[in-house]
Amino acid sequence: MAALAFALAGYLLGCVATGYYLVRLRTGRDIRTIGSGATGGRNVARVLGKPGFAITGLGDLAKSAGAVVLPLALGYGAAEASAALVGVTLGHCWPVQLRFRGGKGIAPAVGGLLVLDPPVLVAGALLAGVVLAATRRMTPALLATFAAPLVALALGRPIEVVAGILALVVLVLVAHGDNVRDELRAWRPG
């Protein structure tokens, strides 16, 4: 029951769409009508430049790290922290107050994993970096993150952490659905 409560709390925190509110405050515009339509740092940079990217990224990292720290600070364990990470990422990608149109989940995934399991984060980032360097494309690098749950399993992490990381990877890939579909179409033979 506690895991569900932390997932819900994480979701509500994730709904704080840093990029959306920053662009709204600075320009009065809705970032979801610009560029990719996402509320994340990469799209915010189109309007506010590098400072907007940095502020949005730091805000999204902080909200996710905070969501994962909360259950741990209150004496709960991996199951509750993993649930909070999944919840905050859900809220970031599909915030209720923005009609379920938010970011794509990279910054919350990084911020939460930084607290929950830094070695898995580092392994996933290294693998994604190698794939990015080899292909020079973001989507294959994103697909490489499917190795993260396997890394967690190989490192002997609790099944709740492995399941949470698997759910996180699936959420981020679903949020990047158009990019993933385009990439898979491009790799089809014939």
N, C-alpha and C. Protein backbone atom coordinates (compact mmCIF):
# COMPACT_ATOMS: atom_id res chain seq x y z
N MET A 1 0.82 -1.20 0.00
CA MET A 1 0.00 0.00 0.00
C MET A 1 0.86 1.26 0.00
N ALA A 2 2.00 1.21 0.74
CA ALA A 2 2.90 2.37 0.78
C ALA A 2 3.47 2.66 -0.61
N ALA A 3 3.78 1.60 -1.37
CA ALA A 3 4.33 1.80 -2.71
C ALA A 3 3.34 2.56 -3.58
N LEU A 4 2.07 2.23 -3.47
CA LEU A 4 1.03 2.93 -4.24
C LEU A 4 0.95 4.40 -3.83
N ALA A 5 1.04 4.66 -2.54
CA ALA A 5 1.00 6.04 -2.05
C ALA A 5 2.19 6.84 -2.59
N PHE A 6 3.38 6.23 -2.60
CA PHE A 6 4.56 6.93 -3.13
C PHE A 6 4.49 7.09 -4.64
N ALA A 7 3.89 6.14 -5.32
CA ALA A 7 3.70 6.28 -6.77
C ALA A 7 2.77 7.45 -7.07
N LEU A 8 1.69 7.57 -6.29
CA LEU A 8 0.76 8.68 -6.48
C LEU A 8 1.42 10.01 -6.14
N ALA A 9 2.16 10.07 -5.04
CA ALA A 9 2.88 11.29 -4.68
C ALA A 9 3.89 11.65 -5.76
N GLY A 10 4.58 10.62 -6.29
CA GLY A 10 5.53 10.85 -7.38
C GLY A 10 4.83 11.39 -8.61
N TYR A 11 3.67 10.83 -8.93
CA TYR A 11 2.92 11.30 -10.09
C TYR A 11 2.58 12.79 -9.95
N LEU A 12 2.08 13.16 -8.79
CA LEU A 12 1.71 14.57 -8.57
C LEU A 12 2.92 15.48 -8.68
N LEU A 13 4.05 15.05 -8.14
CA LEU A 13 5.28 15.85 -8.25
C LEU A 13 5.73 15.91 -9.71
N GLY A 14 5.61 14.79 -10.41
CA GLY A 14 5.99 14.76 -11.82
C GLY A 14 5.16 15.69 -12.68
N CYS A 15 3.93 15.96 -12.26
CA CYS A 15 3.05 16.87 -13.00
C CYS A 15 3.54 18.32 -12.98
N VAL A 16 4.48 18.63 -12.12
CA VAL A 16 5.06 19.97 -12.10
C VAL A 16 5.98 20.05 -13.33
N ALA A 17 5.44 20.55 -14.41
CA ALA A 17 6.12 20.58 -15.71
C ALA A 17 7.01 21.81 -15.78
N THR A 18 8.25 21.64 -15.37
CA THR A 18 9.20 22.76 -15.26
C THR A 18 9.24 23.59 -16.53
N GLY A 19 9.45 22.94 -17.67
CA GLY A 19 9.58 23.66 -18.93
C GLY A 19 8.32 24.40 -19.33
N TYR A 20 7.17 23.77 -19.11
CA TYR A 20 5.91 24.42 -19.45
C TYR A 20 5.76 25.72 -18.66
N TYR A 21 5.96 25.63 -17.35
CA TYR A 21 5.75 26.82 -16.51
C TYR A 21 6.82 27.88 -16.74
N LEU A 22 8.04 27.46 -17.04
CA LEU A 22 9.12 28.42 -17.31
C LEU A 22 8.82 29.21 -18.58
N VAL A 23 8.44 28.53 -19.64
CA VAL A 23 8.13 29.22 -20.90
C VAL A 23 6.89 30.08 -20.73
N ARG A 24 5.89 29.58 -20.04
CA ARG A 24 4.66 30.35 -19.80
C ARG A 24 4.99 31.64 -19.04
N LEU A 25 5.83 31.52 -18.01
CA LEU A 25 6.21 32.67 -17.18
C LEU A 25 7.04 33.68 -17.96
N ARG A 26 7.99 33.20 -18.75
CA ARG A 26 8.91 34.10 -19.46
C ARG A 26 8.31 34.71 -20.73
N THR A 27 7.43 33.96 -21.44
CA THR A 27 6.96 34.44 -22.74
C THR A 27 5.44 34.50 -22.86
N GLY A 28 4.74 33.82 -21.97
CA GLY A 28 3.29 33.73 -22.08
C GLY A 28 2.83 32.67 -23.07
N ARG A 29 3.76 31.96 -23.69
CA ARG A 29 3.43 30.97 -24.70
C ARG A 29 3.30 29.57 -24.09
N ASP A 30 2.64 28.70 -24.81
CA ASP A 30 2.50 27.29 -24.43
C ASP A 30 3.55 26.49 -25.20
N ILE A 31 4.55 25.97 -24.52
CA ILE A 31 5.65 25.24 -25.16
C ILE A 31 5.14 24.03 -25.95
N ARG A 32 3.96 23.54 -25.60
CA ARG A 32 3.43 22.38 -26.29
C ARG A 32 2.96 22.69 -27.71
N THR A 33 2.95 23.98 -28.08
CA THR A 33 2.58 24.37 -29.44
C THR A 33 3.81 24.71 -30.29
N ILE A 34 4.99 24.44 -29.73
CA ILE A 34 6.25 24.80 -30.39
C ILE A 34 7.09 23.55 -30.60
N GLY A 35 7.79 23.48 -31.72
CA GLY A 35 8.74 22.39 -31.96
C GLY A 35 8.12 21.02 -31.83
N SER A 36 8.70 20.20 -30.94
CA SER A 36 8.23 18.82 -30.76
C SER A 36 6.93 18.75 -29.96
N GLY A 37 6.57 19.84 -29.29
CA GLY A 37 5.38 19.85 -28.46
C GLY A 37 5.60 19.31 -27.06
N ALA A 38 6.83 18.89 -26.76
CA ALA A 38 7.15 18.36 -25.44
C ALA A 38 7.50 19.51 -24.48
N THR A 39 7.39 19.24 -23.19
CA THR A 39 7.68 20.26 -22.19
C THR A 39 9.10 20.17 -21.65
N GLY A 40 9.91 19.28 -22.20
CA GLY A 40 11.26 19.05 -21.71
C GLY A 40 12.27 20.08 -22.17
N GLY A 41 13.47 19.95 -21.64
CA GLY A 41 14.54 20.91 -21.86
C GLY A 41 14.92 21.12 -23.31
N ARG A 42 14.95 20.06 -24.07
CA ARG A 42 15.36 20.18 -25.48
C ARG A 42 14.41 21.09 -26.24
N ASN A 43 13.11 20.96 -26.00
CA ASN A 43 12.14 21.81 -26.68
C ASN A 43 12.16 23.23 -26.10
N VAL A 44 12.31 23.34 -24.79
CA VAL A 44 12.37 24.66 -24.15
C VAL A 44 13.54 25.47 -24.71
N ALA A 45 14.65 24.79 -25.03
CA ALA A 45 15.82 25.48 -25.59
C ALA A 45 15.50 26.18 -26.90
N ARG A 46 14.50 25.70 -27.62
CA ARG A 46 14.10 26.35 -28.87
C ARG A 46 13.58 27.76 -28.62
N VAL A 47 13.02 27.97 -27.43
CA VAL A 47 12.43 29.26 -27.11
C VAL A 47 13.35 30.10 -26.21
N LEU A 48 13.94 29.45 -25.22
CA LEU A 48 14.70 30.18 -24.19
C LEU A 48 16.21 29.94 -24.24
N GLY A 49 16.68 29.17 -25.20
CA GLY A 49 18.11 28.93 -25.35
C GLY A 49 18.67 28.03 -24.27
N LYS A 50 20.00 28.08 -24.14
CA LYS A 50 20.70 27.21 -23.20
C LYS A 50 20.27 27.42 -21.75
N PRO A 51 20.04 28.67 -21.32
CA PRO A 51 19.58 28.84 -19.93
C PRO A 51 18.24 28.14 -19.66
N GLY A 52 17.34 28.19 -20.62
CA GLY A 52 16.05 27.51 -20.48
C GLY A 52 16.22 26.01 -20.43
N PHE A 53 17.12 25.49 -21.25
CA PHE A 53 17.43 24.06 -21.24
C PHE A 53 17.96 23.66 -19.86
N ALA A 54 18.91 24.44 -19.35
CA ALA A 54 19.54 24.11 -18.06
C ALA A 54 18.54 24.18 -16.90
N ILE A 55 17.74 25.22 -16.86
CA ILE A 55 16.77 25.36 -15.77
C ILE A 55 15.74 24.24 -15.82
N THR A 56 15.25 23.95 -17.02
CA THR A 56 14.26 22.88 -17.18
C THR A 56 14.86 21.54 -16.78
N GLY A 57 16.05 21.25 -17.28
CA GLY A 57 16.70 19.99 -16.95
C GLY A 57 16.95 19.83 -15.46
N LEU A 58 17.46 20.88 -14.83
CA LEU A 58 17.72 20.81 -13.39
C LEU A 58 16.43 20.65 -12.60
N GLY A 59 15.39 21.35 -13.00
CA GLY A 59 14.10 21.22 -12.32
C GLY A 59 13.53 19.82 -12.43
N ASP A 60 13.63 19.24 -13.63
CA ASP A 60 13.11 17.90 -13.86
C ASP A 60 13.95 16.84 -13.15
N LEU A 61 15.27 17.03 -13.12
CA LEU A 61 16.14 16.13 -12.36
C LEU A 61 15.81 16.20 -10.88
N ALA A 62 15.64 17.41 -10.38
CA ALA A 62 15.40 17.61 -8.94
C ALA A 62 14.06 17.02 -8.50
N LYS A 63 13.02 17.21 -9.31
CA LYS A 63 11.71 16.68 -8.87
C LYS A 63 11.75 15.15 -8.80
N SER A 64 12.44 14.53 -9.73
CA SER A 64 12.52 13.08 -9.73
C SER A 64 13.40 12.57 -8.59
N ALA A 65 14.54 13.20 -8.40
CA ALA A 65 15.41 12.81 -7.29
C ALA A 65 14.68 12.97 -5.96
N GLY A 66 13.94 14.06 -5.82
CA GLY A 66 13.17 14.30 -4.60
C GLY A 66 12.10 13.24 -4.37
N ALA A 67 11.45 12.83 -5.45
CA ALA A 67 10.41 11.80 -5.33
C ALA A 67 11.00 10.48 -4.85
N VAL A 68 12.21 10.15 -5.30
CA VAL A 68 12.84 8.89 -4.91
C VAL A 68 13.47 8.99 -3.52
N VAL A 69 13.99 10.15 -3.18
CA VAL A 69 14.59 10.35 -1.85
C VAL A 69 13.54 10.25 -0.75
N LEU A 70 12.35 10.75 -1.01
CA LEU A 70 11.31 10.81 0.02
C LEU A 70 11.05 9.46 0.70
N PRO A 71 10.71 8.40 -0.03
CA PRO A 71 10.46 7.14 0.68
C PRO A 71 11.71 6.61 1.40
N LEU A 72 12.87 6.81 0.81
CA LEU A 72 14.10 6.35 1.45
C LEU A 72 14.36 7.12 2.74
N ALA A 73 14.14 8.42 2.71
CA ALA A 73 14.34 9.25 3.90
C ALA A 73 13.35 8.91 5.00
N LEU A 74 12.19 8.42 4.62
CA LEU A 74 11.17 8.05 5.60
C LEU A 74 11.31 6.60 6.07
N GLY A 75 12.38 5.93 5.64
CA GLY A 75 12.66 4.59 6.12
C GLY A 75 12.06 3.47 5.29
N TYR A 76 11.50 3.79 4.15
CA TYR A 76 10.96 2.76 3.26
C TYR A 76 12.09 2.23 2.39
N GLY A 77 11.79 1.21 1.58
CA GLY A 77 12.85 0.56 0.82
C GLY A 77 12.73 0.71 -0.67
N ALA A 78 13.36 -0.27 -1.35
CA ALA A 78 13.48 -0.25 -2.81
C ALA A 78 12.14 -0.26 -3.53
N ALA A 79 11.18 -1.01 -3.00
CA ALA A 79 9.87 -1.10 -3.67
C ALA A 79 9.20 0.28 -3.72
N GLU A 80 9.21 0.98 -2.60
CA GLU A 80 8.57 2.30 -2.53
C GLU A 80 9.33 3.34 -3.36
N ALA A 81 10.66 3.28 -3.31
CA ALA A 81 11.47 4.22 -4.10
C ALA A 81 11.27 3.97 -5.59
N SER A 82 11.21 2.70 -5.99
CA SER A 82 10.97 2.37 -7.40
C SER A 82 9.58 2.83 -7.84
N ALA A 83 8.59 2.65 -6.98
CA ALA A 83 7.23 3.11 -7.29
C ALA A 83 7.19 4.62 -7.45
N ALA A 84 7.91 5.33 -6.60
CA ALA A 84 7.97 6.79 -6.70
C ALA A 84 8.61 7.22 -8.02
N LEU A 85 9.66 6.51 -8.44
CA LEU A 85 10.33 6.83 -9.71
C LEU A 85 9.39 6.61 -10.89
N VAL A 86 8.67 5.51 -10.89
CA VAL A 86 7.71 5.26 -11.97
C VAL A 86 6.62 6.33 -11.95
N GLY A 87 6.12 6.66 -10.75
CA GLY A 87 5.07 7.67 -10.63
C GLY A 87 5.51 9.04 -11.12
N VAL A 88 6.71 9.48 -10.73
CA VAL A 88 7.17 10.81 -11.13
C VAL A 88 7.38 10.87 -12.64
N THR A 89 7.83 9.77 -13.24
CA THR A 89 8.03 9.75 -14.68
C THR A 89 6.69 9.76 -15.42
N LEU A 90 5.72 9.03 -14.89
CA LEU A 90 4.36 9.08 -15.46
C LEU A 90 3.82 10.51 -15.43
N GLY A 91 3.96 11.17 -14.27
CA GLY A 91 3.47 12.54 -14.14
C GLY A 91 4.18 13.51 -15.06
N HIS A 92 5.47 13.31 -15.24
CA HIS A 92 6.24 14.17 -16.13
C HIS A 92 5.78 14.01 -17.59
N CYS A 93 5.60 12.77 -18.00
CA CYS A 93 5.24 12.51 -19.40
C CYS A 93 3.76 12.78 -19.68
N TRP A 94 2.90 12.49 -18.71
CA TRP A 94 1.46 12.62 -18.91
C TRP A 94 0.82 13.37 -17.73
N PRO A 95 1.11 14.69 -17.62
CA PRO A 95 0.56 15.47 -16.51
C PRO A 95 -0.93 15.76 -16.70
N VAL A 96 -1.70 15.47 -15.68
CA VAL A 96 -3.16 15.59 -15.78
C VAL A 96 -3.58 17.03 -16.08
N GLN A 97 -2.95 18.01 -15.46
CA GLN A 97 -3.38 19.40 -15.63
C GLN A 97 -3.05 19.95 -17.02
N LEU A 98 -2.16 19.26 -17.76
CA LEU A 98 -1.82 19.69 -19.12
C LEU A 98 -2.43 18.74 -20.16
N ARG A 99 -3.52 18.13 -19.76
CA ARG A 99 -4.25 17.20 -20.63
C ARG A 99 -3.35 16.07 -21.13
N PHE A 100 -2.48 15.60 -20.24
CA PHE A 100 -1.62 14.44 -20.49
C PHE A 100 -0.62 14.65 -21.62
N ARG A 101 -0.17 15.91 -21.79
CA ARG A 101 0.85 16.23 -22.80
C ARG A 101 2.02 16.90 -22.10
N GLY A 102 3.06 16.11 -21.80
CA GLY A 102 4.20 16.64 -21.08
C GLY A 102 5.51 16.37 -21.78
N GLY A 103 6.50 16.00 -20.98
CA GLY A 103 7.84 15.74 -21.49
C GLY A 103 8.00 14.30 -21.95
N LYS A 104 9.25 13.93 -22.21
CA LYS A 104 9.52 12.59 -22.73
C LYS A 104 10.23 11.69 -21.73
N GLY A 105 10.53 12.19 -20.55
CA GLY A 105 10.96 11.34 -19.45
C GLY A 105 12.43 11.13 -19.23
N ILE A 106 13.29 11.71 -20.04
CA ILE A 106 14.73 11.46 -19.88
C ILE A 106 15.25 12.06 -18.57
N ALA A 107 15.00 13.34 -18.33
CA ALA A 107 15.52 13.97 -17.11
C ALA A 107 14.96 13.33 -15.84
N PRO A 108 13.67 13.03 -15.75
CA PRO A 108 13.20 12.34 -14.55
C PRO A 108 13.82 10.95 -14.38
N ALA A 109 14.03 10.25 -15.48
CA ALA A 109 14.65 8.92 -15.39
C ALA A 109 16.07 9.05 -14.83
N VAL A 110 16.81 10.01 -15.33
CA VAL A 110 18.18 10.22 -14.87
C VAL A 110 18.20 10.65 -13.41
N GLY A 111 17.38 11.64 -13.05
CA GLY A 111 17.36 12.13 -11.67
C GLY A 111 16.97 11.06 -10.68
N GLY A 112 15.98 10.25 -11.02
CA GLY A 112 15.53 9.20 -10.12
C GLY A 112 16.54 8.07 -9.99
N LEU A 113 17.14 7.66 -11.13
CA LEU A 113 18.13 6.60 -11.08
C LEU A 113 19.41 7.04 -10.38
N LEU A 114 19.69 8.33 -10.44
CA LEU A 114 20.85 8.86 -9.73
C LEU A 114 20.74 8.57 -8.23
N VAL A 115 19.52 8.60 -7.72
CA VAL A 115 19.28 8.31 -6.31
C VAL A 115 19.07 6.81 -6.09
N LEU A 116 18.25 6.19 -6.92
CA LEU A 116 17.86 4.80 -6.72
C LEU A 116 19.00 3.83 -6.96
N ASP A 117 19.73 4.01 -8.08
CA ASP A 117 20.77 3.04 -8.43
C ASP A 117 21.79 3.66 -9.39
N PRO A 118 22.74 4.44 -8.87
CA PRO A 118 23.73 5.10 -9.73
C PRO A 118 24.52 4.15 -10.65
N PRO A 119 24.93 2.94 -10.19
CA PRO A 119 25.66 2.07 -11.12
C PRO A 119 24.84 1.68 -12.36
N VAL A 120 23.56 1.44 -12.19
CA VAL A 120 22.71 1.11 -13.34
C VAL A 120 22.59 2.32 -14.26
N LEU A 121 22.47 3.51 -13.68
CA LEU A 121 22.42 4.73 -14.48
C LEU A 121 23.71 4.88 -15.30
N VAL A 122 24.85 4.71 -14.67
CA VAL A 122 26.14 4.85 -15.36
C VAL A 122 26.26 3.81 -16.47
N ALA A 123 25.92 2.56 -16.18
CA ALA A 123 26.00 1.51 -17.20
C ALA A 123 25.08 1.81 -18.38
N GLY A 124 23.85 2.24 -18.08
CA GLY A 124 22.91 2.59 -19.15
C GLY A 124 23.39 3.78 -19.97
N ALA A 125 23.94 4.78 -19.30
CA ALA A 125 24.44 5.97 -20.00
C ALA A 125 25.64 5.62 -20.88
N LEU A 126 26.52 4.77 -20.38
CA LEU A 126 27.68 4.36 -21.18
C LEU A 126 27.25 3.59 -22.42
N LEU A 127 26.33 2.67 -22.26
CA LEU A 127 25.84 1.90 -23.40
C LEU A 127 25.15 2.82 -24.41
N ALA A 128 24.29 3.70 -23.92
CA ALA A 128 23.62 4.65 -24.83
C ALA A 128 24.64 5.54 -25.53
N GLY A 129 25.68 5.96 -24.81
CA GLY A 129 26.72 6.79 -25.41
C GLY A 129 27.48 6.07 -26.51
N VAL A 130 27.78 4.79 -26.29
CA VAL A 130 28.46 3.99 -27.31
C VAL A 130 27.58 3.86 -28.55
N VAL A 131 26.31 3.56 -28.34
CA VAL A 131 25.38 3.41 -29.47
C VAL A 131 25.22 4.75 -30.20
N LEU A 132 25.13 5.84 -29.44
CA LEU A 132 25.02 7.17 -30.06
C LEU A 132 26.26 7.48 -30.89
N ALA A 133 27.43 7.19 -30.35
CA ALA A 133 28.67 7.44 -31.09
C ALA A 133 28.75 6.59 -32.36
N ALA A 134 28.28 5.36 -32.27
CA ALA A 134 28.34 4.46 -33.42
C ALA A 134 27.32 4.82 -34.50
N THR A 135 26.13 5.25 -34.07
CA THR A 135 25.06 5.49 -35.05
C THR A 135 24.82 6.97 -35.33
N ARG A 136 25.24 7.82 -34.39
CA ARG A 136 24.98 9.27 -34.47
C ARG A 136 23.49 9.57 -34.51
N ARG A 137 22.71 8.70 -33.87
CA ARG A 137 21.25 8.88 -33.83
C ARG A 137 20.78 8.65 -32.40
N MET A 138 19.86 9.49 -31.95
CA MET A 138 19.37 9.40 -30.57
C MET A 138 18.46 8.20 -30.33
N THR A 139 17.62 7.85 -31.28
CA THR A 139 16.64 6.79 -31.03
C THR A 139 17.30 5.43 -30.79
N PRO A 140 18.30 5.02 -31.60
CA PRO A 140 18.97 3.75 -31.25
C PRO A 140 19.62 3.81 -29.86
N ALA A 141 20.15 4.96 -29.49
CA ALA A 141 20.74 5.12 -28.16
C ALA A 141 19.66 4.95 -27.10
N LEU A 142 18.49 5.49 -27.37
CA LEU A 142 17.36 5.35 -26.46
C LEU A 142 16.93 3.88 -26.35
N LEU A 143 16.90 3.19 -27.47
CA LEU A 143 16.54 1.77 -27.46
C LEU A 143 17.55 0.94 -26.66
N ALA A 144 18.79 1.39 -26.61
CA ALA A 144 19.82 0.68 -25.86
C ALA A 144 19.53 0.67 -24.36
N THR A 145 18.67 1.58 -23.91
CA THR A 145 18.35 1.62 -22.48
C THR A 145 17.60 0.37 -22.03
N PHE A 146 17.10 -0.43 -22.97
CA PHE A 146 16.46 -1.68 -22.59
C PHE A 146 17.42 -2.61 -21.86
N ALA A 147 18.72 -2.33 -21.97
CA ALA A 147 19.70 -3.14 -21.24
C ALA A 147 19.72 -2.81 -19.75
N ALA A 148 19.21 -1.67 -19.35
CA ALA A 148 19.28 -1.24 -17.94
C ALA A 148 18.66 -2.24 -16.97
N PRO A 149 17.46 -2.78 -17.24
CA PRO A 149 16.92 -3.78 -16.31
C PRO A 149 17.80 -5.04 -16.23
N LEU A 150 18.42 -5.40 -17.36
CA LEU A 150 19.31 -6.56 -17.36
C LEU A 150 20.56 -6.29 -16.52
N VAL A 151 21.06 -5.06 -16.60
CA VAL A 151 22.20 -4.66 -15.76
C VAL A 151 21.81 -4.74 -14.30
N ALA A 152 20.63 -4.23 -13.96
CA ALA A 152 20.16 -4.28 -12.56
C ALA A 152 20.04 -5.73 -12.09
N LEU A 153 19.53 -6.58 -12.95
CA LEU A 153 19.40 -8.00 -12.61
C LEU A 153 20.78 -8.63 -12.42
N ALA A 154 21.70 -8.33 -13.33
CA ALA A 154 23.06 -8.88 -13.24
C ALA A 154 23.78 -8.40 -11.98
N LEU A 155 23.46 -7.21 -11.53
CA LEU A 155 24.09 -6.66 -10.32
C LEU A 155 23.41 -7.17 -9.05
N GLY A 156 22.39 -8.00 -9.21
CA GLY A 156 21.72 -8.59 -8.05
C GLY A 156 20.78 -7.65 -7.32
N ARG A 157 20.24 -6.68 -8.03
CA ARG A 157 19.32 -5.75 -7.41
C ARG A 157 18.01 -6.46 -7.06
N PRO A 158 17.29 -5.95 -6.05
CA PRO A 158 16.00 -6.55 -5.70
C PRO A 158 15.05 -6.52 -6.90
N ILE A 159 14.18 -7.49 -6.97
CA ILE A 159 13.25 -7.60 -8.10
C ILE A 159 12.38 -6.34 -8.23
N GLU A 160 12.09 -5.66 -7.12
CA GLU A 160 11.29 -4.43 -7.18
C GLU A 160 12.04 -3.34 -7.95
N VAL A 161 13.36 -3.29 -7.77
CA VAL A 161 14.17 -2.30 -8.49
C VAL A 161 14.24 -2.67 -9.97
N VAL A 162 14.47 -3.95 -10.26
CA VAL A 162 14.52 -4.40 -11.66
C VAL A 162 13.19 -4.09 -12.35
N ALA A 163 12.08 -4.41 -11.69
CA ALA A 163 10.76 -4.14 -12.27
C ALA A 163 10.53 -2.64 -12.45
N GLY A 164 10.95 -1.84 -11.48
CA GLY A 164 10.81 -0.39 -11.58
C GLY A 164 11.61 0.17 -12.74
N ILE A 165 12.83 -0.32 -12.91
CA ILE A 165 13.67 0.16 -14.02
C ILE A 165 13.10 -0.28 -15.36
N LEU A 166 12.57 -1.50 -15.42
CA LEU A 166 11.92 -1.96 -16.65
C LEU A 166 10.71 -1.07 -16.97
N ALA A 167 9.88 -0.79 -15.98
CA ALA A 167 8.73 0.09 -16.19
C ALA A 167 9.18 1.48 -16.64
N LEU A 168 10.24 1.98 -16.04
CA LEU A 168 10.78 3.29 -16.41
C LEU A 168 11.21 3.32 -17.88
N VAL A 169 11.95 2.30 -18.29
CA VAL A 169 12.42 2.23 -19.68
C VAL A 169 11.22 2.18 -20.64
N VAL A 170 10.22 1.38 -20.31
CA VAL A 170 9.04 1.28 -21.16
C VAL A 170 8.33 2.63 -21.25
N LEU A 171 8.18 3.33 -20.12
CA LEU A 171 7.52 4.63 -20.12
C LEU A 171 8.25 5.63 -21.02
N VAL A 172 9.57 5.67 -20.90
CA VAL A 172 10.35 6.62 -21.71
C VAL A 172 10.24 6.27 -23.19
N LEU A 173 10.28 4.98 -23.51
CA LEU A 173 10.15 4.60 -24.92
C LEU A 173 8.75 4.89 -25.45
N VAL A 174 7.72 4.69 -24.64
CA VAL A 174 6.36 5.03 -25.07
C VAL A 174 6.24 6.54 -25.29
N ALA A 175 6.84 7.33 -24.40
CA ALA A 175 6.80 8.79 -24.56
C ALA A 175 7.53 9.23 -25.83
N HIS A 176 8.52 8.46 -26.25
CA HIS A 176 9.25 8.73 -27.49
C HIS A 176 8.68 7.92 -28.66
N GLY A 177 7.43 7.50 -28.55
CA GLY A 177 6.82 6.59 -29.51
C GLY A 177 6.99 6.95 -30.96
N ASP A 178 6.76 8.22 -31.32
CA ASP A 178 6.89 8.62 -32.72
C ASP A 178 8.31 8.42 -33.22
N ASN A 179 9.29 8.80 -32.40
CA ASN A 179 10.70 8.65 -32.78
C ASN A 179 11.06 7.18 -32.95
N VAL A 180 10.60 6.35 -32.01
CA VAL A 180 10.91 4.92 -32.06
C VAL A 180 10.27 4.29 -33.30
N ARG A 181 9.01 4.61 -33.57
CA ARG A 181 8.33 4.06 -34.76
C ARG A 181 9.05 4.48 -36.04
N ASP A 182 9.45 5.75 -36.14
CA ASP A 182 10.16 6.22 -37.33
C ASP A 182 11.48 5.47 -37.50
N GLU A 183 12.19 5.27 -36.41
CA GLU A 183 13.47 4.57 -36.47
C GLU A 183 13.28 3.11 -36.89
N LEU A 184 12.28 2.46 -36.32
CA LEU A 184 12.04 1.06 -36.68
C LEU A 184 11.64 0.92 -38.14
N ARG A 185 10.86 1.88 -38.66
CA ARG A 185 10.50 1.87 -40.08
C ARG A 185 11.73 2.01 -40.95
N ALA A 186 12.67 2.87 -40.53
CA ALA A 186 13.88 3.11 -41.30
C ALA A 186 14.79 1.88 -41.35
N TRP A 187 14.71 1.02 -40.33
CA TRP A 187 15.57 -0.16 -40.26
C TRP A 187 14.95 -1.38 -40.94
N ARG A 188 13.68 -1.28 -41.35
CA ARG A 188 13.03 -2.41 -42.01
C ARG A 188 13.69 -2.72 -43.34
N PRO A 189 13.99 -3.97 -43.59
CA PRO A 189 14.58 -4.31 -44.90
C PRO A 189 13.57 -4.13 -46.03
N GLY A 190 14.08 -3.74 -47.19
CA GLY A 190 13.26 -3.64 -48.38
C GLY A 190 12.40 -2.48 -48.37
